[in-house]
N, C-alpha and C. Protein backbone atom coordinates (compact mmCIF):
# COMPACT_ATOMS: atom_id res chain seq x y z
N MET A 1 174.60 96.08 73.73
CA MET A 1 175.06 96.33 72.64
C MET A 1 175.78 97.46 72.40
N GLU A 2 177.06 97.08 71.78
CA GLU A 2 178.00 98.25 71.79
C GLU A 2 177.82 99.33 70.56
N ILE A 3 177.84 100.55 70.74
CA ILE A 3 177.53 101.40 69.64
C ILE A 3 178.86 101.81 68.89
N ASN A 4 179.06 101.54 67.76
CA ASN A 4 180.24 101.50 67.03
C ASN A 4 179.93 102.30 65.50
N ARG A 5 178.70 103.02 65.56
CA ARG A 5 178.18 103.63 64.31
C ARG A 5 177.56 105.00 64.20
N PHE A 6 177.81 105.69 63.52
CA PHE A 6 177.11 107.03 63.47
C PHE A 6 175.79 107.10 62.50
N ASN A 7 174.96 107.91 63.24
CA ASN A 7 173.74 108.01 62.06
C ASN A 7 173.31 109.51 62.33
N ILE A 8 174.04 110.13 61.01
CA ILE A 8 173.82 111.60 60.77
C ILE A 8 172.58 112.14 60.12
N ARG A 9 171.94 112.85 60.61
CA ARG A 9 170.69 113.38 60.06
C ARG A 9 170.64 114.95 59.81
N VAL A 10 170.05 115.50 58.85
CA VAL A 10 170.43 116.89 58.41
C VAL A 10 168.90 117.33 58.34
N TYR A 11 168.63 118.46 58.98
CA TYR A 11 167.41 119.17 59.33
C TYR A 11 167.31 120.54 58.94
N GLY A 12 165.95 121.08 58.19
CA GLY A 12 166.18 122.55 58.17
C GLY A 12 164.97 123.32 58.40
N PHE A 13 165.09 124.32 58.87
CA PHE A 13 164.20 125.22 59.70
C PHE A 13 163.74 126.23 58.42
N LEU A 14 162.52 125.80 57.69
CA LEU A 14 161.70 126.61 56.42
C LEU A 14 161.02 127.78 57.50
N LEU A 15 161.62 128.92 57.61
CA LEU A 15 160.16 129.96 58.38
C LEU A 15 159.33 130.60 57.28
N ASP A 16 158.27 130.91 57.60
CA ASP A 16 157.10 131.71 56.54
C ASP A 16 156.56 132.70 57.78
N GLY A 17 157.27 133.80 57.87
CA GLY A 17 156.89 134.69 58.90
C GLY A 17 156.99 134.26 60.24
N ASN A 18 155.97 134.10 61.19
CA ASN A 18 156.40 133.62 62.71
C ASN A 18 155.92 131.82 62.93
N LYS A 19 155.94 131.28 61.42
CA LYS A 19 155.60 130.02 61.45
C LYS A 19 157.14 129.15 60.97
N VAL A 20 156.93 127.99 61.19
CA VAL A 20 158.18 127.05 60.88
C VAL A 20 157.34 125.78 60.42
N LEU A 21 157.87 125.19 59.30
CA LEU A 21 157.52 123.88 58.77
C LEU A 21 157.90 122.98 59.40
N VAL A 22 156.97 121.84 59.84
CA VAL A 22 157.34 120.58 60.65
C VAL A 22 156.43 119.69 59.74
N THR A 23 157.05 118.35 60.01
CA THR A 23 156.49 117.30 59.09
C THR A 23 156.01 116.29 60.04
N ASP A 24 154.95 115.60 59.78
CA ASP A 24 154.36 114.34 60.70
C ASP A 24 154.39 113.11 59.78
N GLU A 25 154.85 111.97 60.01
CA GLU A 25 154.97 111.09 59.19
C GLU A 25 154.92 109.68 60.14
N PHE A 26 154.63 108.59 59.39
CA PHE A 26 154.58 107.22 59.63
C PHE A 26 155.63 106.40 59.34
N ARG A 27 156.51 106.21 60.14
CA ARG A 27 157.58 105.42 59.90
C ARG A 27 157.78 104.30 61.21
N LEU A 28 158.70 103.23 60.77
CA LEU A 28 158.83 102.21 61.93
C LEU A 28 157.44 102.01 62.77
N GLY A 29 156.41 101.81 62.22
CA GLY A 29 155.28 101.64 62.90
C GLY A 29 154.62 102.60 64.16
N ILE A 30 155.34 104.10 64.00
CA ILE A 30 154.94 105.08 64.72
C ILE A 30 154.43 106.18 64.04
N TYR A 31 153.72 107.07 64.34
CA TYR A 31 153.64 108.54 64.00
C TYR A 31 154.65 109.31 64.61
N MET A 32 155.36 110.15 64.12
CA MET A 32 156.38 111.14 64.53
C MET A 32 156.56 112.44 63.87
N THR A 33 156.54 113.50 64.69
CA THR A 33 156.64 114.90 64.24
C THR A 33 158.32 115.33 64.25
N LYS A 34 158.55 115.65 63.50
CA LYS A 34 159.92 116.34 63.20
C LYS A 34 159.98 117.58 62.49
N PHE A 35 161.38 117.84 62.04
CA PHE A 35 161.54 118.78 60.89
C PHE A 35 161.74 118.33 59.56
N PRO A 36 161.84 119.06 58.47
CA PRO A 36 161.84 118.26 57.21
C PRO A 36 163.21 118.41 56.86
N GLY A 37 163.64 116.68 56.60
CA GLY A 37 165.33 116.53 56.67
C GLY A 37 165.38 115.28 56.43
N GLY A 38 166.66 114.68 56.90
CA GLY A 38 166.82 113.05 56.61
C GLY A 38 168.38 112.69 56.80
N GLY A 39 168.51 111.49 56.36
CA GLY A 39 169.65 110.94 56.52
C GLY A 39 170.96 111.19 55.52
N LEU A 40 172.03 111.84 55.94
CA LEU A 40 173.14 111.78 55.49
C LEU A 40 173.61 110.63 54.54
N GLN A 41 174.05 110.60 53.39
CA GLN A 41 174.28 109.47 52.69
C GLN A 41 175.99 109.31 52.38
N PHE A 42 176.43 108.26 52.53
CA PHE A 42 177.89 108.35 52.42
C PHE A 42 178.29 109.07 50.78
N GLY A 43 179.40 109.91 50.91
CA GLY A 43 179.71 110.76 49.65
C GLY A 43 178.93 111.96 49.47
N GLU A 44 178.19 112.28 50.58
CA GLU A 44 177.48 113.39 50.59
C GLU A 44 177.76 114.58 51.57
N GLY A 45 177.65 115.55 51.17
CA GLY A 45 178.10 116.84 52.33
C GLY A 45 176.69 116.98 52.89
N ALA A 46 176.64 117.65 54.28
CA ALA A 46 175.48 117.97 55.33
C ALA A 46 174.58 118.96 54.17
N VAL A 47 175.00 119.99 53.64
CA VAL A 47 174.11 120.82 52.59
C VAL A 47 173.74 120.19 51.63
N ASP A 48 174.62 119.61 50.78
CA ASP A 48 173.72 118.87 49.59
C ASP A 48 172.89 117.72 50.07
N CYS A 49 172.83 117.31 51.35
CA CYS A 49 171.93 116.27 51.80
C CYS A 49 170.38 116.96 52.20
N LEU A 50 170.69 118.34 53.06
CA LEU A 50 169.45 118.94 53.07
C LEU A 50 168.82 119.36 51.72
N LYS A 51 169.55 119.86 50.85
CA LYS A 51 168.83 120.27 49.47
C LYS A 51 168.31 119.25 48.91
N ARG A 52 168.95 117.69 48.99
CA ARG A 52 168.06 116.49 48.18
C ARG A 52 166.99 116.43 49.08
N GLU A 53 167.04 116.31 50.52
CA GLU A 53 165.95 115.88 50.99
C GLU A 53 164.82 116.97 51.06
N PHE A 54 165.18 118.24 50.78
CA PHE A 54 163.81 119.10 50.70
C PHE A 54 163.05 118.86 49.09
N MET A 55 164.09 118.72 48.02
CA MET A 55 163.58 118.11 46.82
C MET A 55 162.84 116.75 47.13
N GLU A 56 163.39 115.67 47.67
CA GLU A 56 162.77 114.59 47.67
C GLU A 56 161.01 114.65 48.23
N GLU A 57 160.99 115.14 49.45
CA GLU A 57 160.15 115.33 50.23
C GLU A 57 159.21 116.44 49.69
N LEU A 58 159.63 117.81 49.64
CA LEU A 58 158.99 118.73 49.13
C LEU A 58 158.83 119.33 47.96
N HIS A 59 159.54 118.85 47.07
CA HIS A 59 159.93 119.14 45.44
C HIS A 59 160.01 120.89 45.52
N LEU A 60 160.96 121.10 46.66
CA LEU A 60 161.36 122.32 46.80
C LEU A 60 162.91 122.80 46.99
N PRO A 61 163.49 123.71 46.21
CA PRO A 61 164.78 123.64 46.19
C PRO A 61 164.98 124.85 47.42
N VAL A 62 165.90 124.65 48.13
CA VAL A 62 166.16 125.39 49.18
C VAL A 62 167.52 126.38 49.12
N GLU A 63 167.85 127.65 49.64
CA GLU A 63 168.94 128.12 49.88
C GLU A 63 169.24 128.08 51.39
N ILE A 64 170.63 127.51 51.69
CA ILE A 64 170.75 127.56 52.94
C ILE A 64 171.46 128.78 53.37
N LEU A 65 170.75 129.01 54.73
CA LEU A 65 170.98 130.82 55.19
C LEU A 65 172.12 130.86 56.36
N SER A 66 171.89 129.84 57.20
CA SER A 66 173.01 129.61 58.13
C SER A 66 172.97 128.01 58.67
N HIS A 67 174.03 127.59 59.57
CA HIS A 67 174.06 126.53 60.15
C HIS A 67 173.39 127.06 61.43
N PHE A 68 172.36 126.35 62.34
CA PHE A 68 171.61 126.46 63.20
C PHE A 68 172.53 125.72 64.58
N TYR A 69 172.54 124.50 64.29
CA TYR A 69 172.77 123.76 65.48
C TYR A 69 173.30 122.35 65.15
N THR A 70 174.07 121.95 65.97
CA THR A 70 174.74 120.35 65.60
C THR A 70 174.80 119.68 66.95
N THR A 71 174.41 118.60 67.16
CA THR A 71 174.19 117.72 68.29
C THR A 71 175.57 118.14 69.39
N GLU A 72 175.55 118.31 70.47
CA GLU A 72 176.79 118.60 71.44
C GLU A 72 176.74 117.62 72.40
N PHE A 73 175.81 116.64 72.56
CA PHE A 73 175.58 115.57 73.48
C PHE A 73 175.42 114.37 72.90
N TYR A 74 175.73 113.15 73.78
CA TYR A 74 175.75 111.72 73.05
C TYR A 74 173.94 111.53 73.20
N GLN A 75 173.63 111.16 72.01
CA GLN A 75 172.49 110.33 71.79
C GLN A 75 172.45 109.21 71.13
N PRO A 76 171.83 108.32 71.82
CA PRO A 76 171.89 107.01 70.71
C PRO A 76 170.78 107.06 70.12
N THR A 77 170.63 106.10 68.98
CA THR A 77 169.01 106.16 68.16
C THR A 77 168.18 105.26 69.23
N THR A 78 166.90 105.76 69.05
CA THR A 78 165.70 105.14 69.56
C THR A 78 164.96 104.01 69.07
N LEU A 79 164.75 104.31 67.75
CA LEU A 79 163.99 103.32 67.12
C LEU A 79 164.73 102.37 65.80
N LEU A 80 165.98 102.44 65.73
CA LEU A 80 166.57 101.50 64.74
C LEU A 80 166.54 100.29 65.10
N PRO A 81 166.92 99.37 64.51
CA PRO A 81 167.41 97.96 64.85
C PRO A 81 168.59 97.84 65.52
N SER A 82 169.56 98.41 65.09
CA SER A 82 170.63 98.72 65.67
C SER A 82 171.33 100.09 66.25
N ASP A 83 171.87 99.95 67.24
CA ASP A 83 172.70 100.80 68.09
C ASP A 83 173.31 101.51 67.39
N MET A 84 173.22 103.17 67.31
CA MET A 84 174.05 103.82 66.55
C MET A 84 174.05 105.29 67.47
N GLN A 85 175.15 105.84 67.40
CA GLN A 85 174.94 107.16 68.00
C GLN A 85 174.58 108.39 66.95
N LEU A 86 173.58 108.96 67.44
CA LEU A 86 172.86 109.99 66.37
C LEU A 86 173.50 111.21 66.60
N ILE A 87 173.76 111.89 65.28
CA ILE A 87 174.16 113.40 65.43
C ILE A 87 173.06 114.05 64.40
N ASN A 88 172.68 115.23 64.65
CA ASN A 88 171.53 115.91 64.04
C ASN A 88 172.24 117.29 63.56
N ILE A 89 172.18 117.75 62.54
CA ILE A 89 172.77 119.05 62.20
C ILE A 89 171.42 119.87 61.56
N TYR A 90 171.36 121.17 62.07
CA TYR A 90 170.24 121.84 61.57
C TYR A 90 170.58 123.18 60.72
N TYR A 91 169.96 123.64 59.70
CA TYR A 91 170.46 124.62 59.13
C TYR A 91 168.91 125.70 59.16
N LEU A 92 169.04 126.90 59.11
CA LEU A 92 168.24 127.70 58.72
C LEU A 92 168.08 127.87 57.01
N VAL A 93 166.96 127.67 56.33
CA VAL A 93 166.63 127.60 55.08
C VAL A 93 165.91 128.74 54.71
N LYS A 94 165.91 129.00 53.30
CA LYS A 94 164.89 129.69 52.80
C LYS A 94 164.37 129.63 51.58
N ALA A 95 163.12 129.66 51.01
CA ALA A 95 162.93 129.15 49.50
C ALA A 95 161.77 130.12 48.93
N GLU A 96 161.80 130.10 47.67
CA GLU A 96 160.77 130.95 46.88
C GLU A 96 159.42 130.54 47.18
N LYS A 97 158.43 131.49 47.00
CA LYS A 97 157.06 131.20 47.29
C LYS A 97 156.43 131.33 45.54
N PRO A 98 155.45 130.66 45.24
CA PRO A 98 154.60 129.67 46.23
C PRO A 98 155.20 128.57 46.41
N TYR A 99 154.96 127.91 47.63
CA TYR A 99 155.53 126.75 47.90
C TYR A 99 155.01 125.53 47.06
N PRO A 100 155.25 124.81 46.56
CA PRO A 100 154.57 123.45 45.63
C PRO A 100 153.94 122.20 46.62
N PHE A 101 154.27 122.59 47.98
CA PHE A 101 153.79 121.30 48.79
C PHE A 101 152.26 121.63 49.07
N LYS A 102 151.79 120.73 49.75
CA LYS A 102 150.42 120.80 50.48
C LYS A 102 150.75 120.80 51.86
N VAL A 103 149.91 121.53 52.71
CA VAL A 103 150.00 121.53 54.03
C VAL A 103 148.56 121.14 54.69
N THR A 104 148.75 120.71 55.64
CA THR A 104 147.31 120.64 56.71
C THR A 104 147.54 121.10 58.09
N MET A 105 146.46 121.32 58.65
CA MET A 105 146.29 121.93 59.84
C MET A 105 146.19 120.95 60.94
N GLN A 106 146.05 119.70 60.69
CA GLN A 106 146.09 118.43 61.71
C GLN A 106 147.17 117.81 62.06
N LEU A 107 147.56 117.51 62.98
CA LEU A 107 148.48 116.63 63.44
C LEU A 107 148.07 115.26 63.02
N ASN A 108 149.24 114.56 62.44
CA ASN A 108 149.22 113.46 61.89
C ASN A 108 148.04 113.00 60.92
N ASP A 109 147.66 113.85 60.05
CA ASP A 109 147.02 113.70 59.13
C ASP A 109 147.16 112.95 57.93
N ILE A 110 147.67 111.63 58.31
CA ILE A 110 148.08 110.81 57.16
C ILE A 110 147.72 109.63 57.91
N PRO A 111 147.46 108.47 56.86
CA PRO A 111 147.26 107.08 57.18
C PRO A 111 148.33 106.25 57.97
N ALA A 112 148.12 105.24 58.47
CA ALA A 112 149.22 104.46 59.00
C ALA A 112 149.75 103.65 58.21
N VAL A 113 150.47 104.19 57.00
CA VAL A 113 151.00 103.51 56.06
C VAL A 113 152.63 103.82 56.06
N ASP A 114 153.71 103.01 56.08
CA ASP A 114 154.93 103.14 56.18
C ASP A 114 155.13 104.35 55.35
N GLU A 115 156.14 105.12 55.42
CA GLU A 115 156.58 106.31 54.67
C GLU A 115 155.26 107.38 54.51
N ALA A 116 154.21 107.44 55.08
CA ALA A 116 153.20 108.44 54.82
C ALA A 116 153.84 109.48 55.65
N GLN A 117 153.49 111.05 54.70
CA GLN A 117 154.21 112.29 55.15
C GLN A 117 152.95 113.31 55.15
N SER A 118 153.16 114.12 55.95
CA SER A 118 152.39 115.42 55.57
C SER A 118 153.00 116.47 56.29
N PHE A 119 152.82 117.62 55.79
CA PHE A 119 153.33 119.13 56.48
C PHE A 119 152.65 119.95 57.29
N ARG A 120 152.82 120.52 58.30
CA ARG A 120 152.33 121.46 58.72
C ARG A 120 153.03 122.96 59.08
N TRP A 121 152.39 124.21 59.20
CA TRP A 121 153.01 125.16 59.59
C TRP A 121 152.62 125.35 60.84
N VAL A 122 153.43 125.58 61.96
CA VAL A 122 153.33 125.88 63.24
C VAL A 122 154.11 127.29 63.88
N ALA A 123 153.22 127.94 64.51
CA ALA A 123 153.44 129.15 65.00
C ALA A 123 154.79 128.97 66.04
N ILE A 124 155.94 129.72 65.88
CA ILE A 124 156.98 129.20 66.58
C ILE A 124 156.93 129.53 68.18
N SER A 125 155.92 130.60 68.39
CA SER A 125 155.34 130.54 69.87
C SER A 125 154.57 129.37 70.32
N ASP A 126 153.91 128.74 69.48
CA ASP A 126 153.13 127.58 69.92
C ASP A 126 154.19 126.29 69.82
N LEU A 127 155.54 126.27 69.44
CA LEU A 127 155.83 125.06 69.48
C LEU A 127 156.36 124.29 70.88
N HIS A 128 156.41 123.29 71.26
CA HIS A 128 156.61 122.65 72.56
C HIS A 128 157.32 121.57 72.55
N PRO A 129 158.52 121.25 73.05
CA PRO A 129 159.45 120.08 73.06
C PRO A 129 158.53 118.72 72.99
N ASP A 130 157.66 118.81 73.70
CA ASP A 130 156.75 117.61 73.97
C ASP A 130 156.30 116.92 72.60
N ASP A 131 155.93 117.86 71.66
CA ASP A 131 154.97 117.97 70.56
C ASP A 131 156.09 117.01 69.38
N PHE A 132 157.52 117.04 69.87
CA PHE A 132 158.17 116.14 68.85
C PHE A 132 158.44 115.26 69.14
N THR A 133 159.07 113.88 68.41
CA THR A 133 159.22 112.63 68.86
C THR A 133 160.52 112.47 69.55
N PHE A 134 161.71 112.98 68.80
CA PHE A 134 162.86 112.62 68.98
C PHE A 134 163.75 113.56 70.31
N PRO A 135 164.41 113.00 70.99
CA PRO A 135 165.09 114.32 72.15
C PRO A 135 165.88 115.12 71.48
N ILE A 136 166.77 115.24 70.26
CA ILE A 136 167.55 116.29 70.14
C ILE A 136 166.44 117.21 69.38
N ASP A 137 165.46 116.85 68.69
CA ASP A 137 164.40 117.73 67.89
C ASP A 137 163.84 118.62 69.51
N GLN A 138 163.50 117.75 70.37
CA GLN A 138 162.93 118.35 71.72
C GLN A 138 163.92 119.47 72.12
N TYR A 139 165.08 119.13 72.50
CA TYR A 139 166.09 120.16 72.49
C TYR A 139 166.32 121.35 71.93
N VAL A 140 166.25 121.16 70.59
CA VAL A 140 166.69 122.07 69.28
C VAL A 140 165.17 123.27 69.45
N VAL A 141 164.07 122.66 69.72
CA VAL A 141 162.72 123.44 69.89
C VAL A 141 163.19 124.56 70.55
N VAL A 142 163.61 124.16 71.73
CA VAL A 142 163.89 125.55 73.02
C VAL A 142 164.92 126.60 72.01
N LYS A 143 165.97 125.96 71.66
CA LYS A 143 166.97 126.83 70.98
C LYS A 143 166.13 127.67 69.98
N LEU A 144 165.45 127.22 69.28
CA LEU A 144 164.84 127.88 67.93
C LEU A 144 163.87 128.73 68.60
N LYS A 145 163.07 128.67 69.50
CA LYS A 145 162.23 129.69 70.31
C LYS A 145 163.26 130.73 70.81
N GLN A 146 164.20 130.56 71.35
CA GLN A 146 164.89 131.47 71.85
C GLN A 146 165.56 132.49 70.94
N TRP A 147 166.32 131.81 69.83
CA TRP A 147 166.60 132.37 68.54
C TRP A 147 165.47 133.06 68.05
N TYR A 148 164.41 132.85 67.74
CA TYR A 148 163.38 133.63 67.32
C TYR A 148 163.15 134.79 67.83
N ALA A 149 163.06 134.70 69.42
CA ALA A 149 162.69 135.71 70.24
C ALA A 149 163.66 136.97 70.16
N GLN A 150 165.06 136.58 69.92
CA GLN A 150 166.01 137.50 69.87
C GLN A 150 166.16 138.23 68.65
N ASN A 151 165.52 137.48 67.20
CA ASN A 151 165.78 137.95 66.33
C ASN A 151 164.53 138.26 65.28
N VAL A 152 163.49 138.11 66.18
CA VAL A 152 162.48 138.85 65.43
C VAL A 152 162.00 140.06 65.44
N ILE A 153 161.85 140.76 64.06
CA ILE A 153 161.53 142.26 64.00
C ILE A 153 160.00 142.48 64.27
N THR A 154 159.63 143.25 65.31
CA THR A 154 158.31 143.64 65.46
C THR A 154 157.92 144.88 64.85
């Protein structure tokens, strides 16, 4: 099948000390681990998309601190019924505490029901590419760990 469409996804790294927020979801019949965010809608900018996604998923207004990474390589979608080229955009974000969302300590602490979702704080030092479902997230985990090692104040 010929790829003739883009699927643009926008994600945020919400850091709390030495931890980053991740989401476990059940979608398309599988459990997946990724960063909070989602799909860009027509007529929407990347920043507005990310702010909307954080409000929808976490009931949390976020401030965009900086752009972190945009996909620099070709990646087809892997789970969707039609073939598309995937482009992910990542931002560093911050939000005021207390956070209004619940977190769990367990991986996939959700029922196998479509669109079920939970959130976990994971120490950046404990992040491993294989813990994430999608190739671009796996790639960006390495970049996040490198960035954190260079920017952490001890």
